[in-house]
Amino acid sequence: MQTETEALSLDEIDRKIIAELQNDGRMTNVELARRAGISPPPCLRRVRRLEEAGYIQGYHAQTDAQKLGWQISFFVIVGLESQKQSVLEAFEQLVATWPEVRECHMIRGGGDFLLKLMARDAAHENQLTARLTNASSVAKVQTLQTIRTSRAVPGVPMDRLNG
């Protein structure tokens, strides 16, 4: 996790590069350099530096879940029987092995974890919910099915970072 001081070391060109790559991670270095207002060699060096420093952690394809057979996305609030570190870590390790779990967030207020899962159909959703309910140390499971997603933007709002 970057501290506020470390984030301040990014200049306007670095922020522009990150913003452009968040919008289109497939663009060529030549196009990225043009958009950032610098020549390609220093642009490539900056991208590599941003990757090495952990500001850019990877590049991913945005896919259509329904076309790929994943008809349902849902969220689950999970409450555990204990908040001992070993219990929390064991739960995180368990759900990390489930490919259907796309996100796992430890939360404060109303539960211990918020998960985002994908299911092929309602029966699969029920199976996943039952697996969670029956998992060791799980005391409460509340599912929230997604009806529609009107906004899902990857990355962070670069126009607000550092000013």
Protein backbone atom coordinates (compact mmCIF):
# COMPACT_ATOMS: atom_id res chain seq x y z
CA MET A 1 0.00 0.00 0.00
CA GLN A 2 1.40 3.39 -1.01
CA THR A 3 1.55 6.13 1.55
CA GLU A 4 0.42 9.65 0.79
CA THR A 5 4.05 10.82 0.74
CA GLU A 6 5.01 8.17 -1.83
CA ALA A 7 2.03 9.11 -4.01
CA LEU A 8 3.25 12.71 -4.06
CA SER A 9 6.38 11.57 -5.91
CA LEU A 10 4.31 10.99 -9.04
CA ASP A 11 4.48 13.88 -11.45
CA GLU A 12 1.79 14.95 -13.92
CA ILE A 13 3.23 12.77 -16.69
CA ASP A 14 3.23 9.67 -14.44
CA ARG A 15 -0.41 10.35 -13.51
CA LYS A 16 -1.31 10.82 -17.19
CA ILE A 17 0.39 7.51 -18.09
CA ILE A 18 -1.48 5.66 -15.34
CA ALA A 19 -4.80 7.25 -16.32
CA GLU A 20 -4.34 6.36 -19.98
CA LEU A 21 -3.33 2.76 -19.20
CA GLN A 22 -6.35 2.36 -16.89
CA ASN A 23 -8.55 3.38 -19.83
CA ASP A 24 -6.74 1.23 -22.41
CA GLY A 25 -4.00 -1.12 -21.27
CA ARG A 26 -3.45 -2.39 -24.82
CA MET A 27 -2.36 0.85 -26.44
CA THR A 28 1.11 0.93 -27.93
CA ASN A 29 3.93 2.71 -26.18
CA VAL A 30 4.06 5.14 -29.12
CA GLU A 31 0.40 6.09 -28.62
CA LEU A 32 0.83 6.27 -24.85
CA ALA A 33 3.83 8.56 -25.27
CA ARG A 34 1.86 10.79 -27.64
CA ARG A 35 -0.99 11.08 -25.15
CA ALA A 36 1.42 11.75 -22.26
CA GLY A 37 3.27 14.40 -24.28
CA ILE A 38 6.69 12.72 -24.22
CA SER A 39 8.76 10.61 -26.62
CA PRO A 40 8.48 6.78 -26.59
CA PRO A 41 11.80 5.83 -24.91
CA PRO A 42 11.26 7.85 -21.71
CA CYS A 43 7.60 6.78 -21.71
CA LEU A 44 8.62 3.13 -21.71
CA ARG A 45 11.12 3.79 -18.91
CA ARG A 46 8.40 5.51 -16.87
CA VAL A 47 5.97 2.62 -17.40
CA ARG A 48 8.59 0.11 -16.30
CA ARG A 49 9.43 2.25 -13.25
CA LEU A 50 5.71 2.48 -12.35
CA GLU A 51 5.39 -1.30 -12.72
CA GLU A 52 8.49 -1.99 -10.61
CA ALA A 53 7.28 0.42 -7.90
CA GLY A 54 3.91 -1.36 -7.78
CA TYR A 55 1.76 1.51 -9.06
CA ILE A 56 0.87 -0.63 -12.07
CA GLN A 57 0.25 -4.19 -10.93
CA GLY A 58 -0.93 -5.87 -14.12
CA TYR A 59 -2.94 -5.73 -17.31
CA HIS A 60 -6.26 -7.51 -17.74
CA ALA A 61 -8.91 -8.12 -20.38
CA GLN A 62 -12.39 -6.90 -19.51
CA THR A 63 -14.66 -9.80 -20.34
CA ASP A 64 -18.41 -10.30 -20.75
CA ALA A 65 -19.34 -12.65 -17.90
CA GLN A 66 -22.70 -13.65 -19.37
CA LYS A 67 -21.24 -14.56 -22.77
CA LEU A 68 -18.72 -16.72 -20.92
CA GLY A 69 -21.47 -18.57 -19.05
CA TRP A 70 -21.48 -16.72 -15.73
CA GLN A 71 -25.09 -15.56 -15.49
CA ILE A 72 -25.14 -14.38 -11.86
CA SER A 73 -22.91 -12.06 -9.90
CA PHE A 74 -23.63 -11.65 -6.23
CA PHE A 75 -22.15 -10.29 -3.05
CA VAL A 76 -22.00 -12.06 0.29
CA ILE A 77 -21.51 -10.56 3.72
CA VAL A 78 -19.87 -13.19 5.92
CA GLY A 79 -19.76 -13.08 9.70
CA LEU A 80 -17.30 -15.37 11.46
CA GLU A 81 -17.62 -16.94 14.91
CA SER A 82 -14.35 -15.32 15.98
CA GLN A 83 -12.18 -12.44 14.88
CA LYS A 84 -8.94 -14.10 15.95
CA GLN A 85 -6.23 -13.48 13.39
CA SER A 86 -5.84 -17.20 12.74
CA VAL A 87 -9.58 -17.57 12.01
CA LEU A 88 -9.61 -14.54 9.70
CA GLU A 89 -6.56 -15.79 7.81
CA ALA A 90 -7.96 -19.32 7.52
CA PHE A 91 -11.16 -17.94 5.97
CA GLU A 92 -9.19 -15.79 3.51
CA GLN A 93 -7.07 -18.79 2.53
CA LEU A 94 -10.18 -20.93 2.03
CA VAL A 95 -12.02 -18.53 -0.29
CA ALA A 96 -8.80 -17.75 -2.17
CA THR A 97 -9.01 -21.33 -3.51
CA TRP A 98 -12.51 -20.82 -4.97
CA PRO A 99 -12.34 -19.49 -8.55
CA GLU A 100 -15.88 -18.12 -8.21
CA VAL A 101 -14.73 -15.67 -5.52
CA ARG A 102 -13.61 -12.66 -7.52
CA GLU A 103 -13.08 -10.27 -4.61
CA CYS A 104 -12.61 -10.71 -0.88
CA HIS A 105 -12.63 -7.68 1.41
CA MET A 106 -12.29 -7.67 5.19
CA ILE A 107 -14.85 -5.13 6.36
CA ARG A 108 -15.87 -3.24 9.45
CA GLY A 109 -19.50 -3.03 10.52
CA GLY A 110 -22.18 -5.60 9.73
CA GLY A 111 -19.87 -8.52 9.08
CA ASP A 112 -16.28 -9.61 8.75
CA PHE A 113 -15.91 -10.09 4.99
CA LEU A 114 -17.58 -8.89 1.82
CA LEU A 115 -17.16 -11.26 -1.12
CA LYS A 116 -18.03 -10.85 -4.78
CA LEU A 117 -18.82 -14.16 -6.46
CA MET A 118 -19.83 -15.35 -9.92
CA ALA A 119 -22.18 -18.28 -10.56
CA ARG A 120 -23.22 -20.08 -13.72
CA ASP A 121 -26.89 -20.23 -12.66
CA ALA A 122 -29.18 -20.17 -9.60
CA ALA A 123 -28.32 -23.74 -8.63
CA HIS A 124 -24.61 -22.90 -8.68
CA GLU A 125 -25.29 -19.77 -6.61
CA ASN A 126 -27.13 -21.90 -4.04
CA GLN A 127 -24.26 -24.42 -3.99
CA LEU A 128 -21.72 -21.64 -3.34
CA THR A 129 -23.90 -20.15 -0.61
CA ALA A 130 -24.18 -23.57 1.05
CA ARG A 131 -20.39 -24.05 0.85
CA LEU A 132 -19.94 -20.71 2.61
CA THR A 133 -22.60 -21.45 5.21
CA ASN A 134 -20.99 -24.80 6.02
CA ALA A 135 -17.41 -23.50 6.08
CA SER A 136 -15.49 -23.69 9.31
CA SER A 137 -15.96 -20.69 11.65
CA VAL A 138 -18.72 -19.12 9.53
CA ALA A 139 -21.56 -17.89 11.73
CA LYS A 140 -23.62 -15.81 9.29
CA VAL A 141 -24.02 -15.50 5.53
CA GLN A 142 -26.09 -12.81 3.83
CA THR A 143 -26.31 -12.90 0.02
CA LEU A 144 -27.06 -9.88 -2.15
CA GLN A 145 -27.76 -10.70 -5.78
CA THR A 146 -26.82 -8.16 -8.42
CA ILE A 147 -29.80 -7.13 -10.56
CA ARG A 148 -27.93 -4.72 -12.80
CA THR A 149 -24.52 -3.05 -12.79
CA SER A 150 -24.68 0.49 -14.08
CA ARG A 151 -21.08 1.39 -13.32
CA ALA A 152 -17.96 -0.72 -12.87
CA VAL A 153 -14.81 1.29 -13.44
CA PRO A 154 -11.43 -0.34 -12.84
CA GLY A 155 -8.54 1.52 -11.28
CA VAL A 156 -8.66 4.78 -9.33
CA PRO A 157 -9.81 8.31 -10.24
CA MET A 158 -6.50 9.79 -11.42
CA ASP A 159 -7.93 13.27 -11.97
CA ARG A 160 -8.34 13.60 -8.19
CA LEU A 161 -5.03 12.07 -7.15
CA ASN A 162 -2.54 14.72 -6.10
CA GLY A 163 -4.60 17.59 -7.08
